[in-house]
N, C-alpha and C. Protein backbone atom coordinates (compact mmCIF):
# COMPACT_ATOMS: atom_id res chain seq x y z
N UNK A 1 0.84 -1.19 0.00
CA UNK A 1 0.00 0.00 0.00
C UNK A 1 0.88 1.24 0.00
N UNK A 2 0.69 2.07 -0.98
CA UNK A 2 1.46 3.30 -1.09
C UNK A 2 0.66 4.44 -0.47
N UNK A 3 1.14 4.97 0.64
CA UNK A 3 0.42 6.02 1.37
C UNK A 3 0.82 7.42 0.92
N UNK A 4 1.82 7.57 0.07
CA UNK A 4 2.30 8.87 -0.39
C UNK A 4 2.67 9.78 0.77
N UNK A 5 3.35 9.25 1.75
CA UNK A 5 3.72 10.03 2.93
C UNK A 5 4.79 11.04 2.55
N UNK A 6 4.55 12.30 2.89
CA UNK A 6 5.51 13.35 2.61
C UNK A 6 5.40 13.93 1.22
N UNK A 7 4.46 13.46 0.43
CA UNK A 7 4.28 13.97 -0.92
C UNK A 7 3.07 14.89 -0.97
N UNK A 8 3.03 15.71 -2.00
CA UNK A 8 1.88 16.58 -2.20
C UNK A 8 0.66 15.75 -2.56
N UNK A 9 -0.53 16.24 -2.21
CA UNK A 9 -1.74 15.50 -2.59
C UNK A 9 -1.90 15.46 -4.11
N UNK A 10 -2.54 14.43 -4.62
CA UNK A 10 -2.70 14.34 -6.07
C UNK A 10 -3.59 15.47 -6.60
N UNK A 11 -3.25 15.94 -7.79
CA UNK A 11 -4.00 17.02 -8.42
C UNK A 11 -4.83 16.41 -9.54
N UNK A 12 -6.06 16.87 -9.65
CA UNK A 12 -6.91 16.37 -10.73
C UNK A 12 -6.31 16.77 -12.08
N UNK A 13 -6.61 15.98 -13.08
CA UNK A 13 -6.01 16.18 -14.40
C UNK A 13 -6.37 17.54 -14.99
N UNK A 14 -7.59 18.00 -14.79
CA UNK A 14 -8.00 19.26 -15.40
C UNK A 14 -7.34 20.46 -14.74
N UNK A 15 -6.83 20.31 -13.53
CA UNK A 15 -6.21 21.43 -12.83
C UNK A 15 -4.70 21.27 -12.70
N UNK A 16 -4.13 20.33 -13.41
CA UNK A 16 -2.70 20.07 -13.25
C UNK A 16 -1.85 21.25 -13.71
N UNK A 17 -2.27 21.98 -14.75
CA UNK A 17 -1.45 23.07 -15.26
C UNK A 17 -1.84 24.43 -14.68
N UNK A 18 -2.82 24.47 -13.83
CA UNK A 18 -3.23 25.74 -13.22
C UNK A 18 -2.31 26.10 -12.07
N UNK A 19 -2.10 27.38 -11.87
CA UNK A 19 -1.26 27.83 -10.78
C UNK A 19 -1.96 28.87 -9.93
N UNK A 20 -3.25 28.76 -9.78
CA UNK A 20 -3.98 29.70 -8.94
C UNK A 20 -4.86 30.65 -9.72
N UNK A 21 -4.67 30.72 -11.03
CA UNK A 21 -5.47 31.65 -11.83
C UNK A 21 -6.95 31.27 -11.83
N UNK A 22 -7.23 29.99 -11.87
CA UNK A 22 -8.62 29.54 -11.87
C UNK A 22 -9.30 29.88 -10.55
N UNK A 23 -8.57 29.78 -9.46
CA UNK A 23 -9.15 30.12 -8.16
C UNK A 23 -9.46 31.60 -8.07
N UNK A 24 -8.58 32.43 -8.62
CA UNK A 24 -8.82 33.87 -8.62
C UNK A 24 -10.02 34.20 -9.49
N UNK A 25 -10.10 33.59 -10.66
CA UNK A 25 -11.23 33.83 -11.55
C UNK A 25 -12.53 33.38 -10.90
N UNK A 26 -12.51 32.25 -10.23
CA UNK A 26 -13.71 31.76 -9.55
C UNK A 26 -14.12 32.71 -8.44
N UNK A 27 -13.17 33.24 -7.70
CA UNK A 27 -13.50 34.18 -6.63
C UNK A 27 -14.09 35.47 -7.20
N UNK A 28 -13.57 35.94 -8.31
CA UNK A 28 -14.10 37.16 -8.94
C UNK A 28 -15.52 36.92 -9.43
N UNK A 29 -15.74 35.79 -10.09
CA UNK A 29 -17.08 35.48 -10.60
C UNK A 29 -18.07 35.31 -9.46
N UNK A 30 -17.66 34.64 -8.39
CA UNK A 30 -18.55 34.47 -7.23
C UNK A 30 -18.87 35.81 -6.59
N UNK A 31 -17.89 36.69 -6.50
CA UNK A 31 -18.14 38.02 -5.95
C UNK A 31 -19.09 38.82 -6.81
N UNK A 32 -18.90 38.77 -8.12
CA UNK A 32 -19.82 39.48 -9.02
C UNK A 32 -21.23 38.92 -8.95
N UNK A 33 -21.35 37.60 -8.82
CA UNK A 33 -22.67 36.99 -8.69
C UNK A 33 -23.36 37.43 -7.41
N UNK A 34 -22.60 37.54 -6.33
CA UNK A 34 -23.19 38.00 -5.06
C UNK A 34 -23.64 39.45 -5.17
N UNK A 35 -22.84 40.29 -5.81
CA UNK A 35 -23.23 41.69 -5.99
C UNK A 35 -24.48 41.78 -6.86
N UNK A 36 -24.54 40.98 -7.92
CA UNK A 36 -25.72 40.98 -8.78
C UNK A 36 -26.95 40.53 -8.02
N UNK A 37 -26.82 39.51 -7.19
CA UNK A 37 -27.96 39.02 -6.42
C UNK A 37 -28.47 40.09 -5.46
N UNK A 38 -27.56 40.78 -4.78
CA UNK A 38 -27.98 41.84 -3.86
C UNK A 38 -28.63 43.00 -4.61
N UNK A 39 -28.07 43.35 -5.76
CA UNK A 39 -28.64 44.43 -6.57
C UNK A 39 -30.03 44.07 -7.05
N UNK A 40 -30.20 42.85 -7.52
CA UNK A 40 -31.52 42.42 -7.99
C UNK A 40 -32.52 42.44 -6.85
N UNK A 41 -32.08 42.05 -5.66
CA UNK A 41 -32.98 42.06 -4.51
C UNK A 41 -33.42 43.47 -4.19
N UNK A 42 -32.48 44.40 -4.16
CA UNK A 42 -32.80 45.77 -3.78
C UNK A 42 -33.60 46.49 -4.86
N UNK A 43 -33.32 46.22 -6.12
CA UNK A 43 -33.96 46.98 -7.20
C UNK A 43 -35.27 46.36 -7.66
N UNK A 44 -35.43 45.06 -7.53
CA UNK A 44 -36.63 44.40 -8.05
C UNK A 44 -37.51 43.83 -6.95
N UNK A 45 -36.94 43.04 -6.09
CA UNK A 45 -37.76 42.31 -5.12
C UNK A 45 -38.38 43.23 -4.08
N UNK A 46 -37.62 44.16 -3.55
CA UNK A 46 -38.15 45.03 -2.50
C UNK A 46 -39.27 45.94 -3.01
N UNK A 47 -39.14 46.60 -4.17
CA UNK A 47 -40.27 47.40 -4.67
C UNK A 47 -41.51 46.55 -4.96
N UNK A 48 -41.32 45.37 -5.52
CA UNK A 48 -42.47 44.50 -5.78
C UNK A 48 -43.13 44.06 -4.49
N UNK A 49 -42.32 43.77 -3.49
CA UNK A 49 -42.87 43.36 -2.21
C UNK A 49 -43.67 44.50 -1.58
N UNK A 50 -43.19 45.72 -1.70
CA UNK A 50 -43.94 46.85 -1.14
C UNK A 50 -45.25 47.07 -1.89
N UNK A 51 -45.26 46.87 -3.20
CA UNK A 51 -46.51 47.00 -3.97
C UNK A 51 -47.50 45.92 -3.54
N UNK A 52 -47.05 44.69 -3.40
CA UNK A 52 -47.95 43.62 -2.97
C UNK A 52 -48.44 43.84 -1.54
N UNK A 53 -47.60 44.40 -0.69
CA UNK A 53 -48.02 44.69 0.68
C UNK A 53 -49.11 45.76 0.70
N UNK A 54 -48.93 46.82 -0.09
CA UNK A 54 -49.94 47.87 -0.18
C UNK A 54 -51.25 47.31 -0.74
N UNK A 55 -51.14 46.47 -1.76
CA UNK A 55 -52.34 45.89 -2.37
C UNK A 55 -53.07 45.00 -1.37
N UNK A 56 -52.35 44.24 -0.58
CA UNK A 56 -53.02 43.38 0.40
C UNK A 56 -53.68 44.21 1.50
N UNK A 57 -53.08 45.33 1.88
CA UNK A 57 -53.70 46.21 2.87
C UNK A 57 -54.99 46.81 2.32
N UNK A 58 -54.97 47.23 1.07
CA UNK A 58 -56.18 47.80 0.45
C UNK A 58 -57.27 46.74 0.37
N UNK A 59 -56.91 45.53 -0.03
CA UNK A 59 -57.91 44.46 -0.11
C UNK A 59 -58.47 44.11 1.26
N UNK A 60 -57.63 44.05 2.26
CA UNK A 60 -58.13 43.71 3.59
C UNK A 60 -59.02 44.81 4.14
N UNK A 61 -58.72 46.07 3.86
CA UNK A 61 -59.58 47.17 4.29
C UNK A 61 -60.91 47.14 3.54
N UNK A 62 -60.87 46.81 2.25
CA UNK A 62 -62.10 46.76 1.46
C UNK A 62 -62.98 45.61 1.92
N UNK A 63 -62.39 44.49 2.27
CA UNK A 63 -63.18 43.35 2.73
C UNK A 63 -63.70 43.55 4.15
N UNK A 64 -62.97 44.35 4.94
CA UNK A 64 -63.40 44.59 6.32
C UNK A 64 -64.60 45.54 6.37
N UNK A 65 -64.78 46.30 5.34
CA UNK A 65 -65.95 47.16 5.30
C UNK A 65 -65.57 48.54 5.38
């Protein structure tokens, strides 16, 4: 049994020639995706939620009499 004691862990074939550039690119893309998600939430979801909240208040007042 070869335990590879003292050796570096095996690298997958697709990442054998990478030297950290892929990790940096992944971090940049993940950061941009997070910024996009927060922007979409603030610009789209929150205004729509406030419109639906106002509409539900109007409907509840109309049904209450």
